């Protein structure tokens, strides 16, 4: 369902009345901003940008996907992703391969070097993830992640 098709109506409440500390998009942006900042030093050591790191992370789980799918999963605009992939390919971390079913489409695969780079980054990603959930019990974490999954389903534009 697209946001504009949402069954809920605008209630004329202002952001000031809601408050930033009660506005979920603001909180999510702050959380992701801190997560990304926590990753900067480790990414810099590997010569990676945030779009490159996200691409390696997605490919570590969904190797060989189409570029347009990678853009969605990595939450990166396709033009930015294209530049990131150019650098990753030049550095030997990914390889492009034409899709066997559609000559216009390209699939992206991690190379052994790309997988090794991600494996060096993963412990830091995991530590930052765990830090976000410090003091939150397993049931609360599971409920939160379930809520995020429902929210994504409500607003996503793709079937994946």
Protein backbone atom coordinates (compact mmCIF):
# COMPACT_ATOMS: atom_id res chain seq x y z
CA UNK A 1 0.00 0.00 0.00
CA UNK A 2 1.35 3.39 -0.91
CA UNK A 3 1.45 6.11 1.74
CA UNK A 4 -1.05 8.22 -0.19
CA UNK A 5 -3.50 5.28 -0.16
CA UNK A 6 -3.35 4.98 3.63
CA UNK A 7 -6.80 4.48 5.18
CA UNK A 8 -5.93 6.84 8.04
CA UNK A 9 -6.77 10.52 7.57
CA UNK A 10 -4.61 13.49 8.48
CA UNK A 11 -5.65 14.61 11.95
CA UNK A 12 -4.40 18.24 11.75
CA UNK A 13 -1.95 17.65 14.62
CA UNK A 14 1.25 19.62 14.15
CA UNK A 15 4.74 18.22 14.61
CA UNK A 16 5.16 20.60 17.53
CA UNK A 17 2.12 19.06 19.20
CA UNK A 18 3.33 15.51 18.52
CA UNK A 19 6.89 16.32 19.55
CA UNK A 20 10.09 15.08 17.97
CA UNK A 21 10.57 12.51 20.73
CA UNK A 22 7.21 10.96 19.79
CA UNK A 23 7.61 11.14 15.99
CA UNK A 24 8.76 7.73 14.76
CA UNK A 25 10.42 8.89 11.48
CA UNK A 26 12.56 11.35 13.43
CA UNK A 27 13.55 8.68 15.96
CA UNK A 28 14.35 6.17 13.20
CA UNK A 29 16.53 8.75 11.41
CA UNK A 30 18.39 9.55 14.62
CA UNK A 31 18.97 5.87 15.34
CA UNK A 32 20.25 5.17 11.82
CA UNK A 33 22.37 8.30 11.90
CA UNK A 34 24.07 7.08 15.08
CA UNK A 35 24.44 3.56 13.66
CA UNK A 36 26.05 4.90 10.48
CA UNK A 37 28.32 7.20 12.50
CA UNK A 38 29.41 4.24 14.64
CA UNK A 39 30.39 2.42 11.45
CA UNK A 40 32.36 5.30 9.87
CA UNK A 41 35.76 4.51 11.38
CA UNK A 42 35.63 0.84 10.43
CA UNK A 43 34.33 1.61 6.94
CA UNK A 44 37.13 4.16 6.46
CA UNK A 45 39.73 1.54 7.41
CA UNK A 46 38.39 -0.60 4.57
CA UNK A 47 38.03 2.37 2.21
CA UNK A 48 34.24 1.95 2.08
CA UNK A 49 31.41 4.44 1.91
CA UNK A 50 27.99 3.85 3.47
CA UNK A 51 26.40 2.82 0.12
CA UNK A 52 29.30 0.42 -0.49
CA UNK A 53 28.98 -1.05 3.00
CA UNK A 54 25.25 -1.51 2.58
CA UNK A 55 25.80 -3.19 -0.78
CA UNK A 56 28.32 -5.63 0.65
CA UNK A 57 25.98 -6.36 3.56
CA UNK A 58 23.02 -7.11 1.27
CA UNK A 59 25.14 -9.19 -1.09
CA UNK A 60 26.46 -11.22 1.84
CA UNK A 61 22.87 -12.44 2.29
CA UNK A 62 21.41 -12.13 -1.24
CA UNK A 63 24.33 -12.63 -3.59
CA UNK A 64 23.72 -12.35 -7.32
CA UNK A 65 20.68 -10.06 -7.21
CA UNK A 66 19.76 -7.56 -9.88
CA UNK A 67 21.09 -4.02 -9.51
CA UNK A 68 17.55 -2.60 -9.16
CA UNK A 69 16.87 -5.05 -6.31
CA UNK A 70 20.17 -4.18 -4.65
CA UNK A 71 19.21 -0.50 -4.76
CA UNK A 72 16.02 -1.28 -2.83
CA UNK A 73 17.61 -3.59 -0.27
CA UNK A 74 20.62 -1.32 0.28
CA UNK A 75 18.35 1.75 0.49
CA UNK A 76 20.49 3.62 -2.03
CA UNK A 77 19.40 5.60 -5.08
CA UNK A 78 20.31 3.75 -8.25
CA UNK A 79 22.63 6.54 -9.49
CA UNK A 80 24.53 6.52 -6.19
CA UNK A 81 24.59 2.73 -6.21
CA UNK A 82 26.00 2.68 -9.73
CA UNK A 83 28.99 4.79 -8.61
CA UNK A 84 29.43 2.66 -5.50
CA UNK A 85 29.40 -0.53 -7.57
CA UNK A 86 31.92 0.93 -10.02
CA UNK A 87 34.36 1.48 -7.15
CA UNK A 88 33.62 -1.90 -5.56
CA UNK A 89 34.23 -3.60 -8.92
CA UNK A 90 37.45 -1.63 -9.52
CA UNK A 91 38.64 -2.74 -6.09
CA UNK A 92 37.78 -6.37 -6.84
CA UNK A 93 35.05 -6.64 -4.18
CA UNK A 94 32.12 -7.34 -6.53
CA UNK A 95 31.67 -8.54 -10.07
CA UNK A 96 28.92 -7.80 -12.55
CA UNK A 97 27.36 -10.51 -14.67
CA UNK A 98 24.67 -10.16 -17.31
CA UNK A 99 21.36 -11.72 -16.27
CA UNK A 100 20.89 -14.94 -18.29
CA UNK A 101 17.16 -14.22 -18.71
CA UNK A 102 17.37 -10.52 -19.59
CA UNK A 103 20.35 -9.19 -21.52
CA UNK A 104 19.54 -5.63 -20.35
CA UNK A 105 19.80 -6.54 -16.67
CA UNK A 106 22.92 -7.08 -14.58
CA UNK A 107 23.42 -9.21 -11.49
CA UNK A 108 25.96 -8.34 -8.82
CA UNK A 109 28.06 -10.93 -6.99
CA UNK A 110 30.51 -10.68 -4.11
CA UNK A 111 34.02 -11.79 -4.90
CA UNK A 112 36.10 -13.64 -2.33
CA UNK A 113 37.77 -10.30 -1.51
CA UNK A 114 34.36 -8.66 -1.09
CA UNK A 115 33.19 -11.42 1.23
CA UNK A 116 36.41 -11.08 3.26
CA UNK A 117 35.95 -7.29 3.51
CA UNK A 118 32.40 -7.75 4.75
CA UNK A 119 33.52 -10.39 7.25
CA UNK A 120 35.99 -7.85 8.67
CA UNK A 121 33.19 -5.26 8.95
CA UNK A 122 30.47 -7.56 10.30
CA UNK A 123 31.67 -7.75 13.93
CA UNK A 124 31.52 -3.95 14.13
CA UNK A 125 28.05 -3.89 12.54
CA UNK A 126 26.91 -6.55 14.99
CA UNK A 127 28.35 -4.65 17.97
CA UNK A 128 26.58 -1.43 16.90
CA UNK A 129 23.34 -3.40 16.44
CA UNK A 130 23.66 -4.98 19.88
CA UNK A 131 24.34 -1.57 21.44
CA UNK A 132 21.01 -0.31 20.07
CA UNK A 133 19.20 -3.03 22.00
CA UNK A 134 21.10 -2.74 25.29
CA UNK A 135 18.65 -3.09 28.17
CA UNK A 136 15.84 -4.31 25.91
CA UNK A 137 14.64 -7.84 26.56
CA UNK A 138 14.18 -10.43 23.81
CA UNK A 139 10.37 -10.18 23.74
CA UNK A 140 10.43 -6.39 23.45
CA UNK A 141 13.08 -6.59 20.70
CA UNK A 142 11.05 -9.19 18.79
CA UNK A 143 7.89 -7.05 19.09
CA UNK A 144 9.78 -3.97 17.89
CA UNK A 145 11.26 -5.73 14.87
CA UNK A 146 7.82 -7.18 14.09
CA UNK A 147 6.35 -3.68 14.19
CA UNK A 148 9.07 -2.39 11.86
CA UNK A 149 8.33 -5.25 9.43
CA UNK A 150 4.63 -4.33 9.43
CA UNK A 151 5.46 -0.66 8.90
CA UNK A 152 7.71 -1.52 5.96
CA UNK A 153 4.97 -3.65 4.44
CA UNK A 154 2.56 -0.71 4.79
CA UNK A 155 4.77 1.71 2.87
CA UNK A 156 6.94 -0.36 0.55
CA UNK A 157 6.72 0.01 -3.21
CA UNK A 158 8.20 -3.39 -4.12
CA UNK A 159 7.15 -6.96 -3.45
CA UNK A 160 10.41 -7.61 -1.63
